[in-house]
Amino acid sequence: HSSGSEDQTQMKPKLKKKSYYKIIGKNFSQSLLNMLGLAFGLVMFAVALLAPLIATNKPYFSSHQGEWTYPVLQDVYFLGRYFSYPEFNDVDFRHLSLQRGETLLMPPVPYSATEYDLDQALVSPNLDHIMGTDEQGRDIAARMIYGAQVSLSVGLVAVGIYVLIGLIVGAIAGYFGGWVDLLITWVFTTLSAVPGILMLLAIMFVFGNHFWTAVIALVS
């Protein structure tokens, strides 16, 4: 009987152990809402990252008298050091009349986020302004694209600072314990009891309304 039981034990298939990340990934991918949210987040990240290439009043490339230029690159992060065209600063490429042999390619949203035209204020969505314009004639689509860039920047920076502070303070509280742990717990409990909107107003009153104000407000 003992040899038979040993044979049965050896015949049992060995179950492969799944890692924690594989289990989480499998459970996450089984939900349609999760995958849609992930896809939307990736699209927003791509739009924010490529904002200088999607919404700008400068063409991707242009040719004039056989010379090729790439004006859009002068506003793309560090590439402006290598592609600078000061002669194009006051040129409106959207209404440029092309001669024979000349060509240019404009981006899908041919407006910058800060460019305004009071004659085009509060225009309804049309072929030129796909989402219309605001009260100062600024293209809403361009401003939303750059707004995504600011929103993601604030969110990523705030979460990074929040995690860093949590790791440092949590390590200190866990290492020393005692009254240090109680004091840190009391401080964080007190701060979390303050309404978020009240904290935001107080921070804006002290530091003003700018990028780092939003970061501080989200961290707090």
N, C-alpha and C. Protein backbone atom coordinates (compact mmCIF):
# COMPACT_ATOMS: atom_id res chain seq x y z
N HIS A 1 0.83 -1.22 0.00
CA HIS A 1 0.00 0.00 0.00
C HIS A 1 0.86 1.26 0.00
N SER A 2 1.98 1.21 0.65
CA SER A 2 2.81 2.42 0.74
C SER A 2 3.39 2.77 -0.62
N SER A 3 3.80 1.70 -1.40
CA SER A 3 4.34 1.99 -2.73
C SER A 3 3.27 2.55 -3.66
N GLY A 4 2.03 2.06 -3.50
CA GLY A 4 0.92 2.57 -4.32
C GLY A 4 0.62 4.02 -4.04
N SER A 5 0.64 4.37 -2.75
CA SER A 5 0.37 5.77 -2.38
C SER A 5 1.47 6.68 -2.89
N GLU A 6 2.73 6.17 -2.90
CA GLU A 6 3.83 6.98 -3.41
C GLU A 6 3.67 7.21 -4.91
N ASP A 7 3.21 6.16 -5.64
CA ASP A 7 3.00 6.31 -7.08
C ASP A 7 1.92 7.34 -7.38
N GLN A 8 0.84 7.29 -6.57
CA GLN A 8 -0.25 8.26 -6.77
C GLN A 8 0.23 9.68 -6.50
N THR A 9 1.09 9.81 -5.50
CA THR A 9 1.62 11.14 -5.18
C THR A 9 2.48 11.67 -6.31
N GLN A 10 3.28 10.78 -6.90
CA GLN A 10 4.15 11.20 -7.99
C GLN A 10 3.35 11.51 -9.25
N MET A 11 2.17 10.86 -9.42
CA MET A 11 1.39 11.06 -10.62
C MET A 11 0.59 12.36 -10.58
N LYS A 12 0.43 12.98 -9.42
CA LYS A 12 -0.33 14.22 -9.31
C LYS A 12 0.42 15.34 -10.04
N PRO A 13 -0.29 16.08 -10.90
CA PRO A 13 0.39 17.17 -11.63
C PRO A 13 0.79 18.29 -10.67
N LYS A 14 1.96 18.83 -10.95
CA LYS A 14 2.44 19.94 -10.12
C LYS A 14 1.81 21.25 -10.61
N LEU A 15 1.22 21.94 -9.69
CA LEU A 15 0.58 23.22 -10.01
C LEU A 15 1.63 24.32 -10.07
N LYS A 16 1.60 25.09 -11.17
CA LYS A 16 2.54 26.21 -11.29
C LYS A 16 2.08 27.37 -10.42
N LYS A 17 3.00 27.89 -9.66
CA LYS A 17 2.67 29.03 -8.81
C LYS A 17 2.67 30.31 -9.64
N LYS A 18 1.57 31.03 -9.59
CA LYS A 18 1.48 32.30 -10.30
C LYS A 18 1.98 33.42 -9.40
N SER A 19 2.70 34.34 -10.02
CA SER A 19 3.20 35.48 -9.26
C SER A 19 2.06 36.44 -8.93
N TYR A 20 2.31 37.26 -7.96
CA TYR A 20 1.30 38.22 -7.52
C TYR A 20 0.91 39.15 -8.67
N TYR A 21 1.91 39.60 -9.45
CA TYR A 21 1.65 40.56 -10.53
C TYR A 21 0.86 39.91 -11.66
N LYS A 22 1.09 38.61 -11.92
CA LYS A 22 0.32 37.93 -12.95
C LYS A 22 -1.14 37.79 -12.55
N ILE A 23 -1.37 37.49 -11.27
CA ILE A 23 -2.75 37.39 -10.78
C ILE A 23 -3.47 38.72 -10.89
N ILE A 24 -2.79 39.80 -10.45
CA ILE A 24 -3.38 41.13 -10.53
C ILE A 24 -3.64 41.52 -11.98
N GLY A 25 -2.67 41.24 -12.86
CA GLY A 25 -2.83 41.58 -14.27
C GLY A 25 -3.98 40.83 -14.92
N LYS A 26 -4.13 39.56 -14.57
CA LYS A 26 -5.22 38.77 -15.13
C LYS A 26 -6.57 39.28 -14.66
N ASN A 27 -6.70 39.55 -13.37
CA ASN A 27 -7.95 40.07 -12.83
C ASN A 27 -8.28 41.44 -13.42
N PHE A 28 -7.24 42.26 -13.62
CA PHE A 28 -7.46 43.60 -14.18
C PHE A 28 -7.94 43.53 -15.62
N SER A 29 -7.31 42.65 -16.41
CA SER A 29 -7.64 42.57 -17.84
C SER A 29 -9.00 41.93 -18.10
N GLN A 30 -9.57 41.27 -17.13
CA GLN A 30 -10.87 40.63 -17.32
C GLN A 30 -12.03 41.61 -17.23
N SER A 31 -11.75 42.84 -16.78
CA SER A 31 -12.81 43.85 -16.67
C SER A 31 -12.74 44.80 -17.86
N LEU A 32 -13.83 44.95 -18.58
CA LEU A 32 -13.88 45.84 -19.73
C LEU A 32 -13.67 47.29 -19.32
N LEU A 33 -14.26 47.68 -18.18
CA LEU A 33 -14.11 49.06 -17.71
C LEU A 33 -12.66 49.37 -17.38
N ASN A 34 -11.97 48.40 -16.80
CA ASN A 34 -10.55 48.60 -16.49
C ASN A 34 -9.74 48.84 -17.76
N MET A 35 -9.99 48.04 -18.79
CA MET A 35 -9.24 48.16 -20.03
C MET A 35 -9.58 49.47 -20.75
N LEU A 36 -10.85 49.86 -20.70
CA LEU A 36 -11.24 51.14 -21.30
C LEU A 36 -10.58 52.31 -20.57
N GLY A 37 -10.55 52.22 -19.24
CA GLY A 37 -9.90 53.27 -18.47
C GLY A 37 -8.41 53.34 -18.75
N LEU A 38 -7.77 52.17 -18.88
CA LEU A 38 -6.35 52.14 -19.20
C LEU A 38 -6.08 52.74 -20.58
N ALA A 39 -6.92 52.37 -21.55
CA ALA A 39 -6.74 52.91 -22.90
C ALA A 39 -6.93 54.42 -22.92
N PHE A 40 -7.94 54.89 -22.19
CA PHE A 40 -8.19 56.34 -22.14
C PHE A 40 -7.01 57.06 -21.48
N GLY A 41 -6.47 56.48 -20.41
CA GLY A 41 -5.33 57.09 -19.74
C GLY A 41 -4.11 57.15 -20.64
N LEU A 42 -3.86 56.07 -21.40
CA LEU A 42 -2.71 56.05 -22.31
C LEU A 42 -2.88 57.06 -23.44
N VAL A 43 -4.11 57.20 -23.94
CA VAL A 43 -4.37 58.20 -24.98
C VAL A 43 -4.14 59.60 -24.44
N MET A 44 -4.64 59.87 -23.24
CA MET A 44 -4.43 61.18 -22.62
C MET A 44 -2.95 61.46 -22.40
N PHE A 45 -2.21 60.44 -21.97
CA PHE A 45 -0.77 60.61 -21.77
C PHE A 45 -0.07 60.92 -23.09
N ALA A 46 -0.46 60.21 -24.15
CA ALA A 46 0.14 60.45 -25.46
C ALA A 46 -0.19 61.85 -25.98
N VAL A 47 -1.44 62.27 -25.80
CA VAL A 47 -1.85 63.61 -26.23
C VAL A 47 -1.08 64.69 -25.47
N ALA A 48 -0.95 64.50 -24.15
CA ALA A 48 -0.21 65.48 -23.35
C ALA A 48 1.26 65.53 -23.74
N LEU A 49 1.83 64.36 -24.00
CA LEU A 49 3.25 64.31 -24.36
C LEU A 49 3.50 64.92 -25.74
N LEU A 50 2.57 64.71 -26.66
CA LEU A 50 2.74 65.18 -28.03
C LEU A 50 2.00 66.49 -28.30
N ALA A 51 1.60 67.20 -27.25
CA ALA A 51 0.85 68.45 -27.42
C ALA A 51 1.54 69.44 -28.35
N PRO A 52 2.86 69.66 -28.24
CA PRO A 52 3.50 70.61 -29.16
C PRO A 52 3.44 70.21 -30.62
N LEU A 53 3.17 68.92 -30.89
CA LEU A 53 3.07 68.44 -32.27
C LEU A 53 1.63 68.38 -32.76
N ILE A 54 0.66 68.39 -31.82
CA ILE A 54 -0.75 68.25 -32.20
C ILE A 54 -1.41 69.61 -32.35
N ALA A 55 -1.13 70.53 -31.43
CA ALA A 55 -1.77 71.84 -31.44
C ALA A 55 -0.70 72.93 -31.50
N THR A 56 -0.50 73.49 -32.66
CA THR A 56 0.48 74.57 -32.85
C THR A 56 0.16 75.30 -34.15
N ASN A 57 0.55 76.55 -34.23
CA ASN A 57 0.31 77.32 -35.45
C ASN A 57 1.50 77.27 -36.41
N LYS A 58 2.40 76.33 -36.18
CA LYS A 58 3.55 76.15 -37.05
C LYS A 58 3.44 74.82 -37.80
N PRO A 59 3.85 74.78 -39.06
CA PRO A 59 3.73 73.54 -39.85
C PRO A 59 4.79 72.52 -39.46
N TYR A 60 4.48 71.26 -39.79
CA TYR A 60 5.46 70.20 -39.58
C TYR A 60 6.69 70.42 -40.46
N PHE A 61 6.44 70.79 -41.70
CA PHE A 61 7.55 71.10 -42.60
C PHE A 61 7.03 72.05 -43.67
N SER A 62 7.93 72.75 -44.27
CA SER A 62 7.60 73.65 -45.38
C SER A 62 8.78 73.73 -46.32
N SER A 63 8.48 73.94 -47.59
CA SER A 63 9.53 74.09 -48.59
C SER A 63 9.34 75.41 -49.31
N HIS A 64 10.44 76.14 -49.44
CA HIS A 64 10.41 77.43 -50.11
C HIS A 64 11.70 77.59 -50.91
N GLN A 65 11.53 77.71 -52.22
CA GLN A 65 12.67 77.84 -53.12
C GLN A 65 13.68 76.69 -52.94
N GLY A 66 13.13 75.51 -52.78
CA GLY A 66 13.97 74.33 -52.66
C GLY A 66 14.56 74.10 -51.28
N GLU A 67 14.28 74.97 -50.33
CA GLU A 67 14.81 74.82 -48.98
C GLU A 67 13.73 74.27 -48.06
N TRP A 68 14.06 73.19 -47.35
CA TRP A 68 13.11 72.56 -46.44
C TRP A 68 13.37 73.01 -45.01
N THR A 69 12.30 73.38 -44.31
CA THR A 69 12.40 73.79 -42.90
C THR A 69 11.36 73.04 -42.10
N TYR A 70 11.58 72.98 -40.78
CA TYR A 70 10.69 72.23 -39.87
C TYR A 70 10.35 73.13 -38.67
N PRO A 71 9.51 74.14 -38.90
CA PRO A 71 9.22 75.13 -37.85
C PRO A 71 8.63 74.55 -36.57
N VAL A 72 7.85 73.46 -36.67
CA VAL A 72 7.19 72.91 -35.49
C VAL A 72 8.19 72.44 -34.44
N LEU A 73 9.38 72.05 -34.87
CA LEU A 73 10.35 71.47 -33.95
C LEU A 73 10.95 72.50 -33.00
N GLN A 74 10.83 73.79 -33.31
CA GLN A 74 11.42 74.79 -32.43
C GLN A 74 10.63 74.95 -31.13
N ASP A 75 9.43 74.38 -31.07
CA ASP A 75 8.63 74.43 -29.84
C ASP A 75 8.54 73.07 -29.16
N VAL A 76 9.28 72.07 -29.64
CA VAL A 76 9.19 70.72 -29.09
C VAL A 76 10.36 70.48 -28.14
N TYR A 77 10.13 70.77 -26.86
CA TYR A 77 11.07 70.48 -25.79
C TYR A 77 12.49 70.95 -26.14
N PHE A 78 13.46 70.07 -26.04
CA PHE A 78 14.87 70.44 -26.23
C PHE A 78 15.24 70.62 -27.70
N LEU A 79 14.37 70.24 -28.64
CA LEU A 79 14.71 70.34 -30.06
C LEU A 79 14.81 71.79 -30.53
N GLY A 80 14.25 72.72 -29.76
CA GLY A 80 14.34 74.13 -30.12
C GLY A 80 15.76 74.64 -30.19
N ARG A 81 16.68 73.94 -29.52
CA ARG A 81 18.09 74.36 -29.59
C ARG A 81 18.68 74.14 -30.98
N TYR A 82 18.17 73.14 -31.67
CA TYR A 82 18.74 72.76 -32.96
C TYR A 82 17.90 73.23 -34.15
N PHE A 83 16.63 73.54 -33.90
CA PHE A 83 15.75 74.00 -34.98
C PHE A 83 15.15 75.35 -34.57
N SER A 84 15.79 76.40 -34.99
CA SER A 84 15.33 77.75 -34.65
C SER A 84 15.13 78.54 -35.94
N TYR A 85 13.91 79.09 -36.07
CA TYR A 85 13.57 79.86 -37.27
C TYR A 85 12.95 81.19 -36.84
N PRO A 86 13.75 82.15 -36.38
CA PRO A 86 13.18 83.43 -35.92
C PRO A 86 12.47 84.19 -37.03
N GLU A 87 12.80 83.92 -38.28
CA GLU A 87 12.14 84.63 -39.39
C GLU A 87 10.68 84.22 -39.55
N PHE A 88 10.28 83.12 -38.91
CA PHE A 88 8.90 82.64 -39.03
C PHE A 88 8.02 83.05 -37.84
N ASN A 89 8.55 83.81 -36.89
CA ASN A 89 7.80 84.13 -35.67
C ASN A 89 6.51 84.89 -35.96
N ASP A 90 6.50 85.74 -36.96
CA ASP A 90 5.33 86.58 -37.26
C ASP A 90 4.59 86.11 -38.51
N VAL A 91 4.91 84.91 -38.97
CA VAL A 91 4.27 84.39 -40.19
C VAL A 91 3.04 83.57 -39.81
N ASP A 92 1.91 83.87 -40.46
CA ASP A 92 0.69 83.08 -40.26
C ASP A 92 0.62 82.05 -41.39
N PHE A 93 1.06 80.84 -41.09
CA PHE A 93 1.12 79.80 -42.12
C PHE A 93 -0.25 79.35 -42.58
N ARG A 94 -1.28 79.56 -41.76
CA ARG A 94 -2.61 79.09 -42.13
C ARG A 94 -3.16 79.84 -43.35
N HIS A 95 -2.79 81.11 -43.49
CA HIS A 95 -3.29 81.91 -44.60
C HIS A 95 -2.19 82.27 -45.59
N LEU A 96 -1.17 81.44 -45.62
CA LEU A 96 -0.04 81.70 -46.52
C LEU A 96 -0.38 81.21 -47.92
N SER A 97 -0.21 82.09 -48.88
CA SER A 97 -0.47 81.69 -50.27
C SER A 97 0.77 81.02 -50.83
N LEU A 98 0.62 79.77 -51.25
CA LEU A 98 1.75 78.99 -51.73
C LEU A 98 1.97 79.21 -53.22
N GLN A 99 3.22 79.33 -53.57
CA GLN A 99 3.61 79.41 -54.97
C GLN A 99 3.81 78.01 -55.53
N ARG A 100 3.99 77.92 -56.81
CA ARG A 100 4.19 76.62 -57.44
C ARG A 100 5.48 75.98 -56.95
N GLY A 101 5.39 74.73 -56.55
CA GLY A 101 6.56 74.02 -56.04
C GLY A 101 6.76 74.15 -54.55
N GLU A 102 5.95 75.00 -53.90
CA GLU A 102 6.06 75.16 -52.45
C GLU A 102 5.00 74.29 -51.77
N THR A 103 5.32 73.84 -50.59
CA THR A 103 4.39 72.97 -49.86
C THR A 103 4.61 73.13 -48.37
N LEU A 104 3.57 72.84 -47.61
CA LEU A 104 3.68 72.80 -46.15
C LEU A 104 2.58 71.90 -45.60
N LEU A 105 2.80 71.37 -44.40
CA LEU A 105 1.84 70.47 -43.75
C LEU A 105 1.56 70.99 -42.35
N MET A 106 0.30 71.37 -42.11
CA MET A 106 -0.10 71.89 -40.81
C MET A 106 -0.56 70.75 -39.90
N PRO A 107 -0.48 70.94 -38.58
CA PRO A 107 -0.95 69.92 -37.62
C PRO A 107 -2.47 69.84 -37.60
N PRO A 108 -3.04 68.82 -36.97
CA PRO A 108 -4.51 68.68 -36.94
C PRO A 108 -5.23 69.83 -36.26
N VAL A 109 -4.60 70.44 -35.25
CA VAL A 109 -5.17 71.63 -34.61
C VAL A 109 -4.18 72.77 -34.85
N PRO A 110 -4.39 73.57 -35.89
CA PRO A 110 -3.38 74.57 -36.28
C PRO A 110 -3.45 75.86 -35.48
N TYR A 111 -3.58 75.75 -34.18
CA TYR A 111 -3.63 76.92 -33.30
C TYR A 111 -2.83 76.62 -32.03
N SER A 112 -2.20 77.63 -31.48
CA SER A 112 -1.52 77.47 -30.20
C SER A 112 -2.51 77.73 -29.06
N ALA A 113 -2.14 77.34 -27.86
CA ALA A 113 -3.05 77.48 -26.73
C ALA A 113 -3.19 78.93 -26.28
N THR A 114 -2.22 79.77 -26.57
CA THR A 114 -2.23 81.17 -26.10
C THR A 114 -2.59 82.15 -27.20
N GLU A 115 -2.71 81.69 -28.41
CA GLU A 115 -3.03 82.57 -29.54
C GLU A 115 -4.49 83.01 -29.47
N TYR A 116 -4.73 84.31 -29.59
CA TYR A 116 -6.11 84.82 -29.49
C TYR A 116 -6.45 85.70 -30.68
N ASP A 117 -7.73 85.77 -30.98
CA ASP A 117 -8.25 86.59 -32.07
C ASP A 117 -9.63 87.07 -31.65
N LEU A 118 -9.74 88.32 -31.25
CA LEU A 118 -11.01 88.85 -30.74
C LEU A 118 -12.10 88.85 -31.79
N ASP A 119 -11.72 88.86 -33.06
CA ASP A 119 -12.72 88.79 -34.12
C ASP A 119 -13.36 87.41 -34.21
N GLN A 120 -12.73 86.41 -33.61
CA GLN A 120 -13.25 85.04 -33.64
C GLN A 120 -13.72 84.60 -32.24
N ALA A 121 -14.12 85.55 -31.40
CA ALA A 121 -14.54 85.22 -30.04
C ALA A 121 -15.88 84.49 -30.04
N LEU A 122 -15.97 83.45 -29.20
CA LEU A 122 -17.19 82.69 -28.99
C LEU A 122 -17.77 82.13 -30.29
N VAL A 123 -16.89 81.63 -31.12
CA VAL A 123 -17.32 81.00 -32.37
C VAL A 123 -17.76 79.56 -32.09
N SER A 124 -18.84 79.15 -32.71
CA SER A 124 -19.32 77.78 -32.55
C SER A 124 -18.38 76.81 -33.26
N PRO A 125 -18.41 75.54 -32.86
CA PRO A 125 -17.55 74.55 -33.54
C PRO A 125 -17.75 74.54 -35.05
N ASN A 126 -16.64 74.55 -35.77
CA ASN A 126 -16.68 74.53 -37.23
C ASN A 126 -15.44 73.82 -37.75
N LEU A 127 -15.20 73.88 -39.06
CA LEU A 127 -14.06 73.19 -39.64
C LEU A 127 -12.74 73.81 -39.21
N ASP A 128 -12.73 75.12 -38.96
CA ASP A 128 -11.50 75.78 -38.52
C ASP A 128 -11.23 75.56 -37.04
N HIS A 129 -12.26 75.67 -36.23
CA HIS A 129 -12.15 75.46 -34.77
C HIS A 129 -13.09 74.32 -34.41
N ILE A 130 -12.55 73.13 -34.27
CA ILE A 130 -13.39 71.94 -34.12
C ILE A 130 -14.18 71.93 -32.81
N MET A 131 -13.73 72.71 -31.81
CA MET A 131 -14.47 72.81 -30.55
C MET A 131 -14.87 74.25 -30.26
N GLY A 132 -14.75 75.12 -31.24
CA GLY A 132 -15.11 76.51 -31.06
C GLY A 132 -14.00 77.32 -30.39
N THR A 133 -14.35 78.54 -30.00
CA THR A 133 -13.39 79.43 -29.33
C THR A 133 -13.99 80.00 -28.06
N ASP A 134 -13.13 80.53 -27.19
CA ASP A 134 -13.61 81.13 -25.95
C ASP A 134 -13.85 82.63 -26.15
N GLU A 135 -14.07 83.36 -25.05
CA GLU A 135 -14.42 84.78 -25.14
C GLU A 135 -13.28 85.64 -25.66
N GLN A 136 -12.08 85.13 -25.71
CA GLN A 136 -10.95 85.88 -26.25
C GLN A 136 -10.51 85.36 -27.62
N GLY A 137 -11.29 84.48 -28.19
CA GLY A 137 -10.98 83.97 -29.51
C GLY A 137 -9.91 82.90 -29.53
N ARG A 138 -9.61 82.29 -28.39
CA ARG A 138 -8.61 81.23 -28.33
C ARG A 138 -9.27 79.88 -28.65
N ASP A 139 -8.54 79.05 -29.37
CA ASP A 139 -9.07 77.76 -29.79
C ASP A 139 -9.22 76.83 -28.58
N ILE A 140 -10.42 76.34 -28.34
CA ILE A 140 -10.70 75.51 -27.17
C ILE A 140 -10.01 74.15 -27.27
N ALA A 141 -9.97 73.57 -28.46
CA ALA A 141 -9.32 72.27 -28.63
C ALA A 141 -7.84 72.36 -28.26
N ALA A 142 -7.17 73.40 -28.73
CA ALA A 142 -5.74 73.58 -28.40
C ALA A 142 -5.54 73.76 -26.91
N ARG A 143 -6.42 74.51 -26.27
CA ARG A 143 -6.29 74.75 -24.84
C ARG A 143 -6.57 73.48 -24.03
N MET A 144 -7.49 72.64 -24.49
CA MET A 144 -7.76 71.38 -23.81
C MET A 144 -6.58 70.42 -23.94
N ILE A 145 -5.93 70.42 -25.11
CA ILE A 145 -4.78 69.54 -25.31
C ILE A 145 -3.65 69.93 -24.38
N TYR A 146 -3.36 71.22 -24.29
CA TYR A 146 -2.30 71.66 -23.37
C TYR A 146 -2.75 71.58 -21.92
N GLY A 147 -4.07 71.67 -21.70
CA GLY A 147 -4.59 71.48 -20.34
C GLY A 147 -4.36 70.07 -19.84
N ALA A 148 -4.46 69.08 -20.76
CA ALA A 148 -4.16 67.69 -20.39
C ALA A 148 -2.71 67.56 -19.98
N GLN A 149 -1.83 68.29 -20.66
CA GLN A 149 -0.41 68.25 -20.31
C GLN A 149 -0.18 68.79 -18.90
N VAL A 150 -0.82 69.90 -18.57
CA VAL A 150 -0.67 70.48 -17.23
C VAL A 150 -1.27 69.57 -16.17
N SER A 151 -2.45 69.02 -16.45
CA SER A 151 -3.13 68.17 -15.47
C SER A 151 -2.31 66.93 -15.15
N LEU A 152 -1.78 66.27 -16.19
CA LEU A 152 -0.98 65.08 -15.95
C LEU A 152 0.34 65.41 -15.25
N SER A 153 0.92 66.56 -15.58
CA SER A 153 2.16 66.97 -14.91
C SER A 153 1.92 67.19 -13.43
N VAL A 154 0.84 67.90 -13.11
CA VAL A 154 0.51 68.15 -11.70
C VAL A 154 0.25 66.84 -10.98
N GLY A 155 -0.53 65.95 -11.61
CA GLY A 155 -0.86 64.68 -10.97
C GLY A 155 0.36 63.81 -10.72
N LEU A 156 1.23 63.68 -11.72
CA LEU A 156 2.41 62.83 -11.57
C LEU A 156 3.37 63.39 -10.54
N VAL A 157 3.61 64.70 -10.57
CA VAL A 157 4.52 65.31 -9.60
C VAL A 157 3.96 65.21 -8.19
N ALA A 158 2.66 65.47 -8.05
CA ALA A 158 2.03 65.41 -6.72
C ALA A 158 2.08 64.00 -6.14
N VAL A 159 1.77 62.99 -6.97
CA VAL A 159 1.80 61.61 -6.49
C VAL A 159 3.23 61.20 -6.12
N GLY A 160 4.20 61.62 -6.92
CA GLY A 160 5.59 61.31 -6.61
C GLY A 160 6.03 61.89 -5.28
N ILE A 161 5.70 63.16 -5.05
CA ILE A 161 6.05 63.81 -3.78
C ILE A 161 5.30 63.15 -2.63
N TYR A 162 4.04 62.83 -2.86
CA TYR A 162 3.21 62.21 -1.82
C TYR A 162 3.79 60.86 -1.39
N VAL A 163 4.19 60.05 -2.38
CA VAL A 163 4.77 58.73 -2.07
C VAL A 163 6.10 58.89 -1.35
N LEU A 164 6.92 59.84 -1.79
CA LEU A 164 8.22 60.05 -1.16
C LEU A 164 8.07 60.48 0.30
N ILE A 165 7.16 61.42 0.55
CA ILE A 165 6.92 61.87 1.92
C ILE A 165 6.39 60.72 2.77
N GLY A 166 5.46 59.94 2.20
CA GLY A 166 4.90 58.80 2.94
C GLY A 166 5.94 57.78 3.32
N LEU A 167 6.86 57.48 2.38
CA LEU A 167 7.91 56.51 2.68
C LEU A 167 8.84 57.01 3.79
N ILE A 168 9.25 58.27 3.69
CA ILE A 168 10.19 58.82 4.69
C ILE A 168 9.53 58.92 6.06
N VAL A 169 8.35 59.51 6.11
CA VAL A 169 7.67 59.70 7.40
C VAL A 169 7.26 58.36 7.99
N GLY A 170 6.78 57.43 7.15
CA GLY A 170 6.40 56.11 7.65
C GLY A 170 7.59 55.35 8.19
N ALA A 171 8.74 55.47 7.53
CA ALA A 171 9.95 54.81 8.03
C ALA A 171 10.39 55.39 9.37
N ILE A 172 10.30 56.71 9.51
CA ILE A 172 10.68 57.34 10.78
C ILE A 172 9.74 56.89 11.90
N ALA A 173 8.44 56.89 11.61
CA ALA A 173 7.46 56.48 12.62
C ALA A 173 7.65 55.02 13.02
N GLY A 174 7.92 54.16 12.04
CA GLY A 174 8.10 52.75 12.35
C GLY A 174 9.41 52.46 13.07
N TYR A 175 10.45 53.24 12.77
CA TYR A 175 11.76 52.99 13.39
C TYR A 175 11.78 53.44 14.85
N PHE A 176 11.30 54.64 15.12
CA PHE A 176 11.37 55.17 16.48
C PHE A 176 10.19 54.71 17.34
N GLY A 177 8.99 54.66 16.73
CA GLY A 177 7.82 54.23 17.49
C GLY A 177 7.51 55.18 18.64
N GLY A 178 6.77 54.71 19.60
CA GLY A 178 6.49 55.50 20.80
C GLY A 178 5.82 56.83 20.50
N TRP A 179 6.31 57.88 21.18
CA TRP A 179 5.68 59.20 21.05
C TRP A 179 5.90 59.79 19.65
N VAL A 180 6.99 59.39 18.95
CA VAL A 180 7.21 59.88 17.59
C VAL A 180 6.13 59.35 16.66
N ASP A 181 5.82 58.07 16.80
CA ASP A 181 4.76 57.47 15.99
C ASP A 181 3.42 58.11 16.29
N LEU A 182 3.13 58.35 17.57
CA LEU A 182 1.86 58.98 17.96
C LEU A 182 1.76 60.40 17.42
N LEU A 183 2.88 61.15 17.48
CA LEU A 183 2.87 62.54 17.01
C LEU A 183 2.62 62.60 15.50
N ILE A 184 3.32 61.75 14.74
CA ILE A 184 3.14 61.74 13.29
C ILE A 184 1.72 61.32 12.92
N THR A 185 1.20 60.33 13.61
CA THR A 185 -0.18 59.89 13.36
C THR A 185 -1.16 61.00 13.65
N TRP A 186 -0.94 61.73 14.75
CA TRP A 186 -1.83 62.83 15.12
C TRP A 186 -1.80 63.94 14.08
N VAL A 187 -0.60 64.29 13.58
CA VAL A 187 -0.47 65.35 12.58
C VAL A 187 -1.22 64.98 11.30
N PHE A 188 -1.02 63.75 10.82
CA PHE A 188 -1.66 63.34 9.57
C PHE A 188 -3.17 63.19 9.75
N THR A 189 -3.60 62.73 10.91
CA THR A 189 -5.04 62.62 11.17
C THR A 189 -5.68 64.00 11.21
N THR A 190 -4.99 64.96 11.81
CA THR A 190 -5.52 66.33 11.89
C THR A 190 -5.62 66.95 10.50
N LEU A 191 -4.58 66.76 9.67
CA LEU A 191 -4.60 67.32 8.33
C LEU A 191 -5.69 66.69 7.46
N SER A 192 -5.88 65.39 7.63
CA SER A 192 -6.90 64.71 6.83
C SER A 192 -8.31 65.10 7.24
N ALA A 193 -8.47 65.64 8.45
CA ALA A 193 -9.79 66.06 8.92
C ALA A 193 -10.21 67.41 8.34
N VAL A 194 -9.23 68.18 7.81
CA VAL A 194 -9.54 69.49 7.23
C VAL A 194 -10.15 69.28 5.85
N PRO A 195 -11.30 69.92 5.54
CA PRO A 195 -11.91 69.77 4.21
C PRO A 195 -10.94 70.17 3.11
N GLY A 196 -10.94 69.41 2.01
CA GLY A 196 -10.00 69.64 0.94
C GLY A 196 -10.12 71.00 0.30
N ILE A 197 -11.36 71.47 0.10
CA ILE A 197 -11.55 72.78 -0.54
C ILE A 197 -11.03 73.90 0.34
N LEU A 198 -11.19 73.75 1.66
CA LEU A 198 -10.68 74.76 2.58
C LEU A 198 -9.16 74.80 2.57
N MET A 199 -8.54 73.62 2.53
CA MET A 199 -7.08 73.55 2.44
C MET A 199 -6.59 74.17 1.14
N LEU A 200 -7.29 73.91 0.04
CA LEU A 200 -6.89 74.46 -1.25
C LEU A 200 -6.96 75.98 -1.24
N LEU A 201 -8.05 76.54 -0.68
CA LEU A 201 -8.19 78.00 -0.62
C LEU A 201 -7.10 78.63 0.24
N ALA A 202 -6.77 77.97 1.36
CA ALA A 202 -5.72 78.50 2.23
C ALA A 202 -4.36 78.49 1.53
N ILE A 203 -4.07 77.40 0.81
CA ILE A 203 -2.79 77.30 0.10
C ILE A 203 -2.72 78.32 -1.03
N MET A 204 -3.81 78.52 -1.76
CA MET A 204 -3.83 79.50 -2.84
C MET A 204 -3.68 80.91 -2.29
N PHE A 205 -4.24 81.17 -1.12
CA PHE A 205 -4.13 82.49 -0.50
C PHE A 205 -2.69 82.79 -0.11
N VAL A 206 -1.96 81.77 0.35
CA VAL A 206 -0.59 81.97 0.81
C VAL A 206 0.40 81.97 -0.35
N PHE A 207 0.28 81.01 -1.29
CA PHE A 207 1.28 80.83 -2.33
C PHE A 207 0.88 81.39 -3.69
N GLY A 208 -0.39 81.81 -3.85
CA GLY A 208 -0.83 82.30 -5.14
C GLY A 208 -1.34 81.19 -6.03
N ASN A 209 -1.77 81.54 -7.23
CA ASN A 209 -2.38 80.59 -8.16
C ASN A 209 -1.40 80.26 -9.28
N HIS A 210 -0.68 79.13 -9.15
CA HIS A 210 0.24 78.69 -10.19
C HIS A 210 0.42 77.18 -10.09
N PHE A 211 1.35 76.63 -10.88
CA PHE A 211 1.53 75.19 -11.00
C PHE A 211 1.83 74.54 -9.66
N TRP A 212 2.80 75.08 -8.91
CA TRP A 212 3.22 74.44 -7.67
C TRP A 212 2.17 74.58 -6.57
N THR A 213 1.28 75.55 -6.70
CA THR A 213 0.17 75.64 -5.75
C THR A 213 -0.73 74.42 -5.86
N ALA A 214 -1.02 74.04 -7.10
CA ALA A 214 -1.86 72.84 -7.31
C ALA A 214 -1.16 71.58 -6.80
N VAL A 215 0.16 71.51 -7.01
CA VAL A 215 0.91 70.34 -6.51
C VAL A 215 0.84 70.26 -5.00
N ILE A 216 1.10 71.38 -4.32
CA ILE A 216 1.05 71.42 -2.86
C ILE A 216 -0.34 71.06 -2.35
N ALA A 217 -1.35 71.57 -3.03
CA ALA A 217 -2.73 71.28 -2.60
C ALA A 217 -3.05 69.79 -2.72
N LEU A 218 -2.61 69.17 -3.81
CA LEU A 218 -2.88 67.74 -3.98
C LEU A 218 -2.09 66.90 -2.98
N VAL A 219 -0.86 67.30 -2.68
CA VAL A 219 -0.05 66.56 -1.72
C VAL A 219 -0.63 66.65 -0.33
N SER A 220 -1.13 67.86 0.02
CA SER A 220 -1.68 68.04 1.36
C SER A 220 -3.05 67.39 1.49
